[in-house]
C-alpha atoms as a PDB file:
ATOM      1  CA  MET A   1      63.650  72.712 137.621  1.00  0.00           C
ATOM      2  CA  LEU A   2      61.276  75.640 137.399  1.00  0.00           C
ATOM      3  CA  GLY A   3      63.494  77.606 139.776  1.00  0.00           C
ATOM      4  CA  VAL A   4      66.280  77.899 137.195  1.00  0.00           C
ATOM      5  CA  LEU A   5      63.990  78.660 134.242  1.00  0.00           C
ATOM      6  CA  PRO A   6      63.712  82.418 134.982  1.00  0.00           C
ATOM      7  CA  GLY A   7      67.512  82.523 135.199  1.00  0.00           C
ATOM      8  CA  ILE A   8      67.886  80.924 131.771  1.00  0.00           C
ATOM      9  CA  ILE A   9      65.352  83.251 130.138  1.00  0.00           C
ATOM     10  CA  GLY A  10      66.774  86.279 131.987  1.00  0.00           C
ATOM     11  CA  THR A  11      70.284  85.448 130.770  1.00  0.00           C
ATOM     12  CA  LEU A  12      69.029  85.237 127.181  1.00  0.00           C
ATOM     13  CA  GLN A  13      67.265  88.596 127.557  1.00  0.00           C
ATOM     14  CA  ALA A  14      70.356  90.212 129.094  1.00  0.00           C
ATOM     15  CA  THR A  15      72.521  88.882 126.266  1.00  0.00           C
ATOM     16  CA  GLU A  16      70.127  90.316 123.680  1.00  0.00           C
ATOM     17  CA  THR A  17      70.190  93.686 125.488  1.00  0.00           C
ATOM     18  CA  ILE A  18      73.996  93.739 125.480  1.00  0.00           C
ATOM     19  CA  LYS A  19      74.016  92.947 121.739  1.00  0.00           C
ATOM     20  CA  ILE A  20      71.656  95.891 121.131  1.00  0.00           C
ATOM     21  CA  ILE A  21      73.747  98.294 123.239  1.00  0.00           C
ATOM     22  CA  LEU A  22      77.031  97.218 121.631  1.00  0.00           C
ATOM     23  CA  GLU A  23      75.456  96.960 118.158  1.00  0.00           C
ATOM     24  CA  LYS A  24      77.092  93.554 117.712  1.00  0.00           C
ATOM     25  CA  GLY A  25      75.866  90.155 116.655  1.00  0.00           C
ATOM     26  CA  ASP A  26      72.687  88.907 115.048  1.00  0.00           C
ATOM     27  CA  LEU A  27      69.700  90.488 116.814  1.00  0.00           C
ATOM     28  CA  LEU A  28      66.374  88.724 117.205  1.00  0.00           C
ATOM     29  CA  LEU A  29      64.559  91.386 115.194  1.00  0.00           C
ATOM     30  CA  GLY A  30      61.643  89.792 113.363  1.00  0.00           C
ATOM     31  CA  ARG A  31      62.178  86.531 115.231  1.00  0.00           C
ATOM     32  CA  LEU A  32      60.782  85.009 118.412  1.00  0.00           C
ATOM     33  CA  LEU A  33      62.883  82.554 120.385  1.00  0.00           C
ATOM     34  CA  CYS A  34      60.798  79.878 122.120  1.00  0.00           C
ATOM     35  CA  CYS A  35      62.231  77.659 124.843  1.00  0.00           C
ATOM     36  CA  ASP A  36      60.883  74.201 125.714  1.00  0.00           C
ATOM     37  CA  ALA A  37      62.392  73.680 129.167  1.00  0.00           C
ATOM     38  CA  LEU A  38      61.274  70.055 129.474  1.00  0.00           C
ATOM     39  CA  LYS A  39      63.083  69.013 126.296  1.00  0.00           C
ATOM     40  CA  MET A  40      65.691  71.814 126.547  1.00  0.00           C
ATOM     41  CA  ASN A  41      64.986  72.751 122.929  1.00  0.00           C
ATOM     42  CA  PHE A  42      64.925  76.203 121.404  1.00  0.00           C
ATOM     43  CA  LYS A  43      62.787  77.072 118.406  1.00  0.00           C
ATOM     44  CA  GLU A  44      62.908  80.234 116.338  1.00  0.00           C
ATOM     45  CA  ILE A  45      59.724  81.638 114.817  1.00  0.00           C
ATOM     46  CA  LYS A  46      60.036  84.281 112.118  1.00  0.00           C
ATOM     47  CA  PHE A  47      57.405  86.971 111.728  1.00  0.00           C
ATOM     48  CA  SER A  48      56.949  90.155 109.760  1.00  0.00           C
ATOM     49  CA  TYR A  49      55.257  93.448 110.478  1.00  0.00           C
ATOM     50  CA  ASP A  50      52.042  94.575 108.842  1.00  0.00           C
ATOM     51  CA  THR A  51      53.154  97.753 107.071  1.00  0.00           C
ATOM     52  CA  ASP A  52      49.573  99.075 107.028  1.00  0.00           C
ATOM     53  CA  CYS A  53      49.266  98.877 110.815  1.00  0.00           C
ATOM     54  CA  LEU A  54      49.703 102.097 112.782  1.00  0.00           C
ATOM     55  CA  CYS A  55      51.979 100.318 115.271  1.00  0.00           C
ATOM     56  CA  SER A  56      54.383  99.385 112.447  1.00  0.00           C
ATOM     57  CA  LYS A  57      54.519 102.957 111.190  1.00  0.00           C
ATOM     58  CA  ASN A  58      55.442 104.231 114.664  1.00  0.00           C
ATOM     59  CA  ARG A  59      57.943 101.431 115.338  1.00  0.00           C
ATOM     60  CA  GLN A  60      61.489 102.613 115.920  1.00  0.00           C
ATOM     61  CA  THR A  61      64.286 100.690 114.262  1.00  0.00           C
ATOM     62  CA  ILE A  62      67.492  99.918 116.060  1.00  0.00           C
END
């Protein structure tokens, strides 16, 4: 089972990259997609940036 897990995650990452390049679809900006391989569940966690943080001020938007 663990042998196919990198393929699943890699496919999700490649799909997200294609969406960014083509500027199509709903990007995962401000969201983290978590995968539970044992239950085959996906969970989305929303987060926001701290606008006072230096890393947020230097962050490039797509």
